[in-house]
Amino acid sequence: MIDIIESYQKIKKSIPDLLEISGYRNDFVAKKIGMKPTYFSTKKQRGNWTDEDVKKIIDVLTGQNEEVENYLMLEQMRSLEKEDTMTLAEFKKKAGWK
């Protein structure tokens, strides 16, 4: 569960990077999410996005942008590196299979 929260926090902090990767201008994204461009710029500088802001921004940025999707997938893969894994043989043994 902590991994999910940490992943979300990383995504939230990386909004400026995602905007740059996307190639979209701030005013375009602001308009798409229903926010005034000046307010959007202020929130971007401060990093004080609400959960709803993050959801809307990610929706806009991933809509048609493979670069952003790739970045988010890479971040997700990095967060899974810490996960404990087991071999198929270990799983079978633990499950009681022969």
PDB file of N, CA and C in Angstrom:
ATOM      1  N   MET A   1       0.817  -1.190   0.000  1.00  0.00           N
ATOM      2  CA  MET A   1       0.000   0.000   0.000  1.00  0.00           C
ATOM      3  C   MET A   1       0.866   1.261   0.000  1.00  0.00           C
ATOM      4  N   ILE A   2       1.943   1.211   0.764  1.00  0.00           N
ATOM      5  CA  ILE A   2       2.850   2.362   0.823  1.00  0.00           C
ATOM      6  C   ILE A   2       3.425   2.647  -0.565  1.00  0.00           C
ATOM      7  N   ASP A   3       3.691   1.590  -1.336  1.00  0.00           N
ATOM      8  CA  ASP A   3       4.234   1.767  -2.687  1.00  0.00           C
ATOM      9  C   ASP A   3       3.291   2.579  -3.567  1.00  0.00           C
ATOM     10  N   ILE A   4       2.000   2.352  -3.422  1.00  0.00           N
ATOM     11  CA  ILE A   4       1.006   3.088  -4.216  1.00  0.00           C
ATOM     12  C   ILE A   4       1.059   4.565  -3.865  1.00  0.00           C
ATOM     13  N   ILE A   5       1.133   4.854  -2.587  1.00  0.00           N
ATOM     14  CA  ILE A   5       1.188   6.247  -2.136  1.00  0.00           C
ATOM     15  C   ILE A   5       2.468   6.913  -2.628  1.00  0.00           C
ATOM     16  N   GLU A   6       3.590   6.205  -2.514  1.00  0.00           N
ATOM     17  CA  GLU A   6       4.866   6.754  -2.982  1.00  0.00           C
ATOM     18  C   GLU A   6       4.841   6.997  -4.486  1.00  0.00           C
ATOM     19  N   SER A   7       4.239   6.085  -5.239  1.00  0.00           N
ATOM     20  CA  SER A   7       4.132   6.264  -6.691  1.00  0.00           C
ATOM     21  C   SER A   7       3.307   7.497  -7.020  1.00  0.00           C
ATOM     22  N   TYR A   8       2.196   7.659  -6.320  1.00  0.00           N
ATOM     23  CA  TYR A   8       1.345   8.826  -6.536  1.00  0.00           C
ATOM     24  C   TYR A   8       2.102  10.117  -6.227  1.00  0.00           C
ATOM     25  N   GLN A   9       2.836  10.117  -5.119  1.00  0.00           N
ATOM     26  CA  GLN A   9       3.603  11.305  -4.749  1.00  0.00           C
ATOM     27  C   GLN A   9       4.650  11.639  -5.804  1.00  0.00           C
ATOM     28  N   LYS A  10       5.297  10.621  -6.362  1.00  0.00           N
ATOM     29  CA  LYS A  10       6.284  10.850  -7.422  1.00  0.00           C
ATOM     30  C   LYS A  10       5.631  11.445  -8.655  1.00  0.00           C
ATOM     31  N   ILE A  11       4.471  10.910  -9.020  1.00  0.00           N
ATOM     32  CA  ILE A  11       3.758  11.440 -10.188  1.00  0.00           C
ATOM     33  C   ILE A  11       3.371  12.888  -9.945  1.00  0.00           C
ATOM     34  N   LYS A  12       2.864  13.169  -8.761  1.00  0.00           N
ATOM     35  CA  LYS A  12       2.448  14.534  -8.421  1.00  0.00           C
ATOM     36  C   LYS A  12       3.627  15.503  -8.516  1.00  0.00           C
ATOM     37  N   LYS A  13       4.785  15.079  -8.002  1.00  0.00           N
ATOM     38  CA  LYS A  13       5.979  15.928  -8.062  1.00  0.00           C
ATOM     39  C   LYS A  13       6.520  16.076  -9.479  1.00  0.00           C
ATOM     40  N   SER A  14       6.227  15.096 -10.329  1.00  0.00           N
ATOM     41  CA  SER A  14       6.786  15.111 -11.681  1.00  0.00           C
ATOM     42  C   SER A  14       5.887  15.801 -12.700  1.00  0.00           C
ATOM     43  N   ILE A  15       4.805  16.430 -12.265  1.00  0.00           N
ATOM     44  CA  ILE A  15       3.904  17.120 -13.197  1.00  0.00           C
ATOM     45  C   ILE A  15       4.669  18.106 -14.088  1.00  0.00           C
ATOM     46  N   PRO A  16       5.561  18.953 -13.552  1.00  0.00           N
ATOM     47  CA  PRO A  16       6.298  19.858 -14.450  1.00  0.00           C
ATOM     48  C   PRO A  16       7.111  19.100 -15.510  1.00  0.00           C
ATOM     49  N   ASP A  17       7.733  17.995 -15.129  1.00  0.00           N
ATOM     50  CA  ASP A  17       8.485  17.191 -16.099  1.00  0.00           C
ATOM     51  C   ASP A  17       7.552  16.587 -17.141  1.00  0.00           C
ATOM     52  N   LEU A  18       6.397  16.096 -16.692  1.00  0.00           N
ATOM     53  CA  LEU A  18       5.428  15.514 -17.620  1.00  0.00           C
ATOM     54  C   LEU A  18       4.919  16.553 -18.615  1.00  0.00           C
ATOM     55  N   LEU A  19       4.723  17.773 -18.140  1.00  0.00           N
ATOM     56  CA  LEU A  19       4.290  18.847 -19.033  1.00  0.00           C
ATOM     57  C   LEU A  19       5.352  19.122 -20.096  1.00  0.00           C
ATOM     58  N   GLU A  20       6.594  19.133 -19.666  1.00  0.00           N
ATOM     59  CA  GLU A  20       7.682  19.373 -20.615  1.00  0.00           C
ATOM     60  C   GLU A  20       7.791  18.231 -21.622  1.00  0.00           C
ATOM     61  N   ILE A  21       7.714  17.003 -21.148  1.00  0.00           N
ATOM     62  CA  ILE A  21       7.793  15.833 -22.020  1.00  0.00           C
ATOM     63  C   ILE A  21       6.658  15.846 -23.038  1.00  0.00           C
ATOM     64  N   SER A  22       5.478  16.261 -22.579  1.00  0.00           N
ATOM     65  CA  SER A  22       4.298  16.236 -23.454  1.00  0.00           C
ATOM     66  C   SER A  22       4.416  17.220 -24.615  1.00  0.00           C
ATOM     67  N   GLY A  23       5.121  18.319 -24.381  1.00  0.00           N
ATOM     68  CA  GLY A  23       5.214  19.354 -25.411  1.00  0.00           C
ATOM     69  C   GLY A  23       4.028  20.310 -25.399  1.00  0.00           C
ATOM     70  N   TYR A  24       3.055  20.051 -24.538  1.00  0.00           N
ATOM     71  CA  TYR A  24       1.893  20.929 -24.444  1.00  0.00           C
ATOM     72  C   TYR A  24       2.248  22.182 -23.654  1.00  0.00           C
ATOM     73  N   ARG A  25       1.674  23.287 -24.077  1.00  0.00           N
ATOM     74  CA  ARG A  25       1.885  24.542 -23.355  1.00  0.00           C
ATOM     75  C   ARG A  25       0.997  24.573 -22.120  1.00  0.00           C
ATOM     76  N   ASN A  26       1.450  25.299 -21.109  1.00  0.00           N
ATOM     77  CA  ASN A  26       0.694  25.416 -19.865  1.00  0.00           C
ATOM     78  C   ASN A  26      -0.724  25.928 -20.101  1.00  0.00           C
ATOM     79  N   ASP A  27      -0.860  26.952 -20.968  1.00  0.00           N
ATOM     80  CA  ASP A  27      -2.180  27.527 -21.195  1.00  0.00           C
ATOM     81  C   ASP A  27      -3.127  26.527 -21.860  1.00  0.00           C
ATOM     82  N   PHE A  28      -2.594  25.648 -22.714  1.00  0.00           N
ATOM     83  CA  PHE A  28      -3.414  24.616 -23.351  1.00  0.00           C
ATOM     84  C   PHE A  28      -3.950  23.642 -22.307  1.00  0.00           C
ATOM     85  N   VAL A  29      -3.053  23.144 -21.449  1.00  0.00           N
ATOM     86  CA  VAL A  29      -3.456  22.185 -20.419  1.00  0.00           C
ATOM     87  C   VAL A  29      -4.417  22.848 -19.430  1.00  0.00           C
ATOM     88  N   ALA A  30      -4.110  24.085 -19.047  1.00  0.00           N
ATOM     89  CA  ALA A  30      -4.980  24.806 -18.110  1.00  0.00           C
ATOM     90  C   ALA A  30      -6.395  24.905 -18.670  1.00  0.00           C
ATOM     91  N   LYS A  31      -6.497  25.270 -19.930  1.00  0.00           N
ATOM     92  CA  LYS A  31      -7.805  25.399 -20.562  1.00  0.00           C
ATOM     93  C   LYS A  31      -8.531  24.052 -20.590  1.00  0.00           C
ATOM     94  N   LYS A  32      -7.797  22.990 -20.907  1.00  0.00           N
ATOM     95  CA  LYS A  32      -8.393  21.649 -20.991  1.00  0.00           C
ATOM     96  C   LYS A  32      -8.944  21.172 -19.649  1.00  0.00           C
ATOM     97  N   ILE A  33      -8.306  21.586 -18.555  1.00  0.00           N
ATOM     98  CA  ILE A  33      -8.774  21.129 -17.241  1.00  0.00           C
ATOM     99  C   ILE A  33      -9.665  22.161 -16.560  1.00  0.00           C
ATOM    100  N   GLY A  34      -9.972  23.246 -17.269  1.00  0.00           N
ATOM    101  CA  GLY A  34     -10.883  24.249 -16.738  1.00  0.00           C
ATOM    102  C   GLY A  34     -10.287  25.169 -15.696  1.00  0.00           C
ATOM    103  N   MET A  35      -9.003  25.503 -15.882  1.00  0.00           N
ATOM    104  CA  MET A  35      -8.316  26.358 -14.915  1.00  0.00           C
ATOM    105  C   MET A  35      -7.726  27.567 -15.651  1.00  0.00           C
ATOM    106  N   LYS A  36      -7.717  28.695 -14.993  1.00  0.00           N
ATOM    107  CA  LYS A  36      -7.104  29.882 -15.601  1.00  0.00           C
ATOM    108  C   LYS A  36      -5.600  29.654 -15.711  1.00  0.00           C
ATOM    109  N   PRO A  37      -5.000  30.057 -16.839  1.00  0.00           N
ATOM    110  CA  PRO A  37      -3.559  29.836 -17.044  1.00  0.00           C
ATOM    111  C   PRO A  37      -2.676  30.423 -15.945  1.00  0.00           C
ATOM    112  N   THR A  38      -3.026  31.582 -15.408  1.00  0.00           N
ATOM    113  CA  THR A  38      -2.192  32.175 -14.349  1.00  0.00           C
ATOM    114  C   THR A  38      -2.253  31.337 -13.075  1.00  0.00           C
ATOM    115  N   TYR A  39      -3.442  30.838 -12.760  1.00  0.00           N
ATOM    116  CA  TYR A  39      -3.611  29.984 -11.581  1.00  0.00           C
ATOM    117  C   TYR A  39      -2.860  28.665 -11.786  1.00  0.00           C
ATOM    118  N   PHE A  40      -2.938  28.135 -12.994  1.00  0.00           N
ATOM    119  CA  PHE A  40      -2.225  26.904 -13.339  1.00  0.00           C
ATOM    120  C   PHE A  40      -0.721  27.088 -13.150  1.00  0.00           C
ATOM    121  N   SER A  41      -0.193  28.191 -13.653  1.00  0.00           N
ATOM    122  CA  SER A  41       1.245  28.473 -13.523  1.00  0.00           C
ATOM    123  C   SER A  41       1.672  28.577 -12.067  1.00  0.00           C
ATOM    124  N   THR A  42       0.843  29.219 -11.257  1.00  0.00           N
ATOM    125  CA  THR A  42       1.146  29.345  -9.830  1.00  0.00           C
ATOM    126  C   THR A  42       1.172  27.976  -9.162  1.00  0.00           C
ATOM    127  N   LYS A  43       0.176  27.156  -9.462  1.00  0.00           N
ATOM    128  CA  LYS A  43       0.122  25.811  -8.880  1.00  0.00           C
ATOM    129  C   LYS A  43       1.320  24.976  -9.352  1.00  0.00           C
ATOM    130  N   LYS A  44       1.709  25.167 -10.586  1.00  0.00           N
ATOM    131  CA  LYS A  44       2.863  24.439 -11.128  1.00  0.00           C
ATOM    132  C   LYS A  44       4.138  24.827 -10.377  1.00  0.00           C
ATOM    133  N   GLN A  45       4.329  26.104 -10.135  1.00  0.00           N
ATOM    134  CA  GLN A  45       5.508  26.579  -9.411  1.00  0.00           C
ATOM    135  C   GLN A  45       5.530  26.063  -7.980  1.00  0.00           C
ATOM    136  N   ARG A  46       4.381  26.065  -7.333  1.00  0.00           N
ATOM    137  CA  ARG A  46       4.302  25.655  -5.931  1.00  0.00           C
ATOM    138  C   ARG A  46       4.166  24.145  -5.759  1.00  0.00           C
ATOM    139  N   GLY A  47       3.677  23.483  -6.791  1.00  0.00           N
ATOM    140  CA  GLY A  47       3.477  22.043  -6.708  1.00  0.00           C
ATOM    141  C   GLY A  47       2.326  21.649  -5.802  1.00  0.00           C
ATOM    142  N   ASN A  48       1.385  22.549  -5.607  1.00  0.00           N
ATOM    143  CA  ASN A  48       0.269  22.254  -4.699  1.00  0.00           C
ATOM    144  C   ASN A  48      -0.983  21.816  -5.479  1.00  0.00           C
ATOM    145  N   TRP A  49      -0.826  20.755  -6.249  1.00  0.00           N
ATOM    146  CA  TRP A  49      -1.938  20.209  -7.024  1.00  0.00           C
ATOM    147  C   TRP A  49      -2.881  19.430  -6.113  1.00  0.00           C
ATOM    148  N   THR A  50      -4.164  19.554  -6.369  1.00  0.00           N
ATOM    149  CA  THR A  50      -5.128  18.713  -5.664  1.00  0.00           C
ATOM    150  C   THR A  50      -5.146  17.348  -6.362  1.00  0.00           C
ATOM    151  N   ASP A  51      -5.753  16.369  -5.714  1.00  0.00           N
ATOM    152  CA  ASP A  51      -5.877  15.051  -6.336  1.00  0.00           C
ATOM    153  C   ASP A  51      -6.663  15.149  -7.639  1.00  0.00           C
ATOM    154  N   GLU A  52      -7.688  15.977  -7.648  1.00  0.00           N
ATOM    155  CA  GLU A  52      -8.501  16.160  -8.855  1.00  0.00           C
ATOM    156  C   GLU A  52      -7.678  16.831  -9.958  1.00  0.00           C
ATOM    157  N   ASP A  53      -6.840  17.810  -9.603  1.00  0.00           N
ATOM    158  CA  ASP A  53      -5.954  18.449 -10.587  1.00  0.00           C
ATOM    159  C   ASP A  53      -5.055  17.406 -11.244  1.00  0.00           C
ATOM    160  N   VAL A  54      -4.441  16.576 -10.408  1.00  0.00           N
ATOM    161  CA  VAL A  54      -3.517  15.553 -10.916  1.00  0.00           C
ATOM    162  C   VAL A  54      -4.243  14.620 -11.878  1.00  0.00           C
ATOM    163  N   LYS A  55      -5.416  14.189 -11.485  1.00  0.00           N
ATOM    164  CA  LYS A  55      -6.203  13.282 -12.333  1.00  0.00           C
ATOM    165  C   LYS A  55      -6.498  13.920 -13.690  1.00  0.00           C
ATOM    166  N   LYS A  56      -6.956  15.157 -13.681  1.00  0.00           N
ATOM    167  CA  LYS A  56      -7.286  15.854 -14.924  1.00  0.00           C
ATOM    168  C   LYS A  56      -6.052  16.075 -15.798  1.00  0.00           C
ATOM    169  N   ILE A  57      -4.956  16.491 -15.177  1.00  0.00           N
ATOM    170  CA  ILE A  57      -3.725  16.754 -15.933  1.00  0.00           C
ATOM    171  C   ILE A  57      -3.208  15.468 -16.572  1.00  0.00           C
ATOM    172  N   ILE A  58      -3.162  14.400 -15.808  1.00  0.00           N
ATOM    173  CA  ILE A  58      -2.689  13.120 -16.353  1.00  0.00           C
ATOM    174  C   ILE A  58      -3.597  12.664 -17.483  1.00  0.00           C
ATOM    175  N   ASP A  59      -4.899  12.865 -17.331  1.00  0.00           N
ATOM    176  CA  ASP A  59      -5.842  12.491 -18.380  1.00  0.00           C
ATOM    177  C   ASP A  59      -5.544  13.249 -19.669  1.00  0.00           C
ATOM    178  N   VAL A  60      -5.304  14.544 -19.556  1.00  0.00           N
ATOM    179  CA  VAL A  60      -4.986  15.360 -20.739  1.00  0.00           C
ATOM    180  C   VAL A  60      -3.648  14.940 -21.345  1.00  0.00           C
ATOM    181  N   LEU A  61      -2.645  14.784 -20.500  1.00  0.00           N
ATOM    182  CA  LEU A  61      -1.297  14.508 -20.999  1.00  0.00           C
ATOM    183  C   LEU A  61      -1.154  13.116 -21.613  1.00  0.00           C
ATOM    184  N   THR A  62      -1.911  12.148 -21.120  1.00  0.00           N
ATOM    185  CA  THR A  62      -1.769  10.792 -21.654  1.00  0.00           C
ATOM    186  C   THR A  62      -2.742  10.507 -22.787  1.00  0.00           C
ATOM    187  N   GLY A  63      -3.663  11.420 -23.038  1.00  0.00           N
ATOM    188  CA  GLY A  63      -4.678  11.206 -24.062  1.00  0.00           C
ATOM    189  C   GLY A  63      -4.116  10.818 -25.416  1.00  0.00           C
ATOM    190  N   GLN A  64      -3.157  11.535 -25.914  1.00  0.00           N
ATOM    191  CA  GLN A  64      -2.587  11.287 -27.232  1.00  0.00           C
ATOM    192  C   GLN A  64      -1.065  11.355 -27.211  1.00  0.00           C
ATOM    193  N   ASN A  65      -0.472  11.177 -26.058  1.00  0.00           N
ATOM    194  CA  ASN A  65       0.953  11.411 -25.954  1.00  0.00           C
ATOM    195  C   ASN A  65       1.690  10.180 -25.443  1.00  0.00           C
ATOM    196  N   GLU A  66       2.326   9.493 -26.351  1.00  0.00           N
ATOM    197  CA  GLU A  66       3.028   8.255 -26.010  1.00  0.00           C
ATOM    198  C   GLU A  66       4.237   8.515 -25.114  1.00  0.00           C
ATOM    199  N   GLU A  67       4.885   9.657 -25.267  1.00  0.00           N
ATOM    200  CA  GLU A  67       6.056   9.983 -24.449  1.00  0.00           C
ATOM    201  C   GLU A  67       5.691  10.034 -22.966  1.00  0.00           C
ATOM    202  N   VAL A  68       4.574  10.647 -22.656  1.00  0.00           N
ATOM    203  CA  VAL A  68       4.127  10.751 -21.264  1.00  0.00           C
ATOM    204  C   VAL A  68       3.742   9.371 -20.742  1.00  0.00           C
ATOM    205  N   GLU A  69       3.037   8.601 -21.552  1.00  0.00           N
ATOM    206  CA  GLU A  69       2.659   7.249 -21.135  1.00  0.00           C
ATOM    207  C   GLU A  69       3.896   6.406 -20.848  1.00  0.00           C
ATOM    208  N   ASN A  70       4.915   6.530 -21.697  1.00  0.00           N
ATOM    209  CA  ASN A  70       6.163   5.794 -21.476  1.00  0.00           C
ATOM    210  C   ASN A  70       6.838   6.211 -20.172  1.00  0.00           C
ATOM    211  N   TYR A  71       6.846   7.499 -19.892  1.00  0.00           N
ATOM    212  CA  TYR A  71       7.447   8.010 -18.658  1.00  0.00           C
ATOM    213  C   TYR A  71       6.727   7.442 -17.438  1.00  0.00           C
ATOM    214  N   LEU A  72       5.409   7.465 -17.483  1.00  0.00           N
ATOM    215  CA  LEU A  72       4.626   6.948 -16.350  1.00  0.00           C
ATOM    216  C   LEU A  72       4.819   5.442 -16.185  1.00  0.00           C
ATOM    217  N   MET A  73       4.907   4.720 -17.294  1.00  0.00           N
ATOM    218  CA  MET A  73       5.136   3.276 -17.224  1.00  0.00           C
ATOM    219  C   MET A  73       6.508   2.989 -16.618  1.00  0.00           C
ATOM    220  N   LEU A  74       7.507   3.755 -17.006  1.00  0.00           N
ATOM    221  CA  LEU A  74       8.846   3.580 -16.445  1.00  0.00           C
ATOM    222  C   LEU A  74       8.842   3.817 -14.938  1.00  0.00           C
ATOM    223  N   GLU A  75       8.149   4.857 -14.489  1.00  0.00           N
ATOM    224  CA  GLU A  75       8.053   5.138 -13.059  1.00  0.00           C
ATOM    225  C   GLU A  75       7.363   3.993 -12.320  1.00  0.00           C
ATOM    226  N   GLN A  76       6.345   3.438 -12.938  1.00  0.00           N
ATOM    227  CA  GLN A  76       5.645   2.317 -12.314  1.00  0.00           C
ATOM    228  C   GLN A  76       6.562   1.098 -12.215  1.00  0.00           C
ATOM    229  N   MET A  77       7.319   0.843 -13.258  1.00  0.00           N
ATOM    230  CA  MET A  77       8.253  -0.286 -13.249  1.00  0.00           C
ATOM    231  C   MET A  77       9.326  -0.092 -12.188  1.00  0.00           C
ATOM    232  N   ARG A  78       9.806   1.125 -12.044  1.00  0.00           N
ATOM    233  CA  ARG A  78      10.819   1.412 -11.018  1.00  0.00           C
ATOM    234  C   ARG A  78      10.271   1.159  -9.621  1.00  0.00           C
ATOM    235  N   SER A  79       9.017   1.492  -9.411  1.00  0.00           N
ATOM    236  CA  SER A  79       8.441   1.285  -8.085  1.00  0.00           C
ATOM    237  C   SER A  79       8.262  -0.200  -7.794  1.00  0.00           C
ATOM    238  N   LEU A  80       8.105  -1.009  -8.816  1.00  0.00           N
ATOM    239  CA  LEU A  80       7.926  -2.450  -8.621  1.00  0.00           C
ATOM    240  C   LEU A  80       9.237  -3.188  -8.400  1.00  0.00           C
ATOM    241  N   GLU A  81      10.361  -2.523  -8.658  1.00  0.00           N
ATOM    242  CA  GLU A  81      11.671  -3.158  -8.456  1.00  0.00           C
ATOM    243  C   GLU A  81      11.860  -3.591  -7.003  1.00  0.00           C
ATOM    244  N   LYS A  82      11.245  -2.893  -6.086  1.00  0.00           N
ATOM    245  CA  LYS A  82      11.398  -3.178  -4.659  1.00  0.00           C
ATOM    246  C   LYS A  82      10.557  -4.369  -4.210  1.00  0.00           C
ATOM    247  N   GLU A  83       9.603  -4.771  -5.044  1.00  0.00           N
ATOM    248  CA  GLU A  83       8.684  -5.848  -4.669  1.00  0.00           C
ATOM    249  C   GLU A  83       9.424  -7.175  -4.533  1.00  0.00           C
ATOM    250  N   ASP A  84       9.032  -7.927  -3.502  1.00  0.00           N
ATOM    251  CA  ASP A  84       9.572  -9.269  -3.337  1.00  0.00           C
ATOM    252  C   ASP A  84       8.963 -10.180  -4.391  1.00  0.00           C
ATOM    253  N   THR A  85       9.785 -11.044  -4.941  1.00  0.00           N
ATOM    254  CA  THR A  85       9.299 -11.994  -5.932  1.00  0.00           C
ATOM    255  C   THR A  85       9.719 -13.396  -5.529  1.00  0.00           C
ATOM    256  N   MET A  86       9.122 -14.380  -6.204  1.00  0.00           N
ATOM    257  CA  MET A  86       9.519 -15.764  -5.952  1.00  0.00           C
ATOM    258  C   MET A  86       9.508 -16.503  -7.273  1.00  0.00           C
ATOM    259  N   THR A  87      10.274 -17.558  -7.317  1.00  0.00           N
ATOM    260  CA  THR A  87      10.322 -18.373  -8.523  1.00  0.00           C
ATOM    261  C   THR A  87       9.051 -19.205  -8.613  1.00  0.00           C
ATOM    262  N   LEU A  88       8.826 -19.790  -9.772  1.00  0.00           N
ATOM    263  CA  LEU A  88       7.677 -20.662  -9.955  1.00  0.00           C
ATOM    264  C   LEU A  88       7.768 -21.866  -9.016  1.00  0.00           C
ATOM    265  N   ALA A  89       8.965 -22.405  -8.857  1.00  0.00           N
ATOM    266  CA  ALA A  89       9.167 -23.555  -7.962  1.00  0.00           C
ATOM    267  C   ALA A  89       8.814 -23.181  -6.521  1.00  0.00           C
ATOM    268  N   GLU A  90       9.232 -21.992  -6.086  1.00  0.00           N
ATOM    269  CA  GLU A  90       8.902 -21.540  -4.736  1.00  0.00           C
ATOM    270  C   GLU A  90       7.393 -21.367  -4.564  1.00  0.00           C
ATOM    271  N   PHE A  91       6.757 -20.825  -5.602  1.00  0.00           N
ATOM    272  CA  PHE A  91       5.316 -20.646  -5.549  1.00  0.00           C
ATOM    273  C   PHE A  91       4.589 -21.989  -5.443  1.00  0.00           C
ATOM    274  N   LYS A  92       5.020 -22.953  -6.273  1.00  0.00           N
ATOM    275  CA  LYS A  92       4.387 -24.277  -6.245  1.00  0.00           C
ATOM    276  C   LYS A  92       4.531 -24.920  -4.879  1.00  0.00           C
ATOM    277  N   LYS A  93       5.722 -24.758  -4.297  1.00  0.00           N
ATOM    278  CA  LYS A  93       5.971 -25.342  -2.974  1.00  0.00           C
ATOM    279  C   LYS A  93       5.075 -24.677  -1.938  1.00  0.00           C
ATOM    280  N   LYS A  94       4.986 -23.372  -1.977  1.00  0.00           N
ATOM    281  CA  LYS A  94       4.177 -22.641  -1.018  1.00  0.00           C
ATOM    282  C   LYS A  94       2.689 -22.963  -1.185  1.00  0.00           C
ATOM    283  N   ALA A  95       2.276 -23.165  -2.432  1.00  0.00           N
ATOM    284  CA  ALA A  95       0.864 -23.468  -2.721  1.00  0.00           C
ATOM    285  C   ALA A  95       0.540 -24.938  -2.450  1.00  0.00           C
ATOM    286  N   GLY A  96       1.571 -25.747  -2.225  1.00  0.00           N
ATOM    287  CA  GLY A  96       1.347 -27.169  -1.961  1.00  0.00           C
ATOM    288  C   GLY A  96       1.168 -27.985  -3.233  1.00  0.00           C
ATOM    289  N   TRP A  97       1.598 -27.441  -4.354  1.00  0.00           N
ATOM    290  CA  TRP A  97       1.502 -28.150  -5.633  1.00  0.00           C
ATOM    291  C   TRP A  97       2.755 -28.995  -5.819  1.00  0.00           C
ATOM    292  N   LYS A  98       2.646 -30.014  -6.604  1.00  0.00           N
ATOM    293  CA  LYS A  98       3.810 -30.858  -6.890  1.00  0.00           C
ATOM    294  C   LYS A  98       4.341 -30.612  -8.252  1.00  0.00           C
TER     295      LYS A  98
END
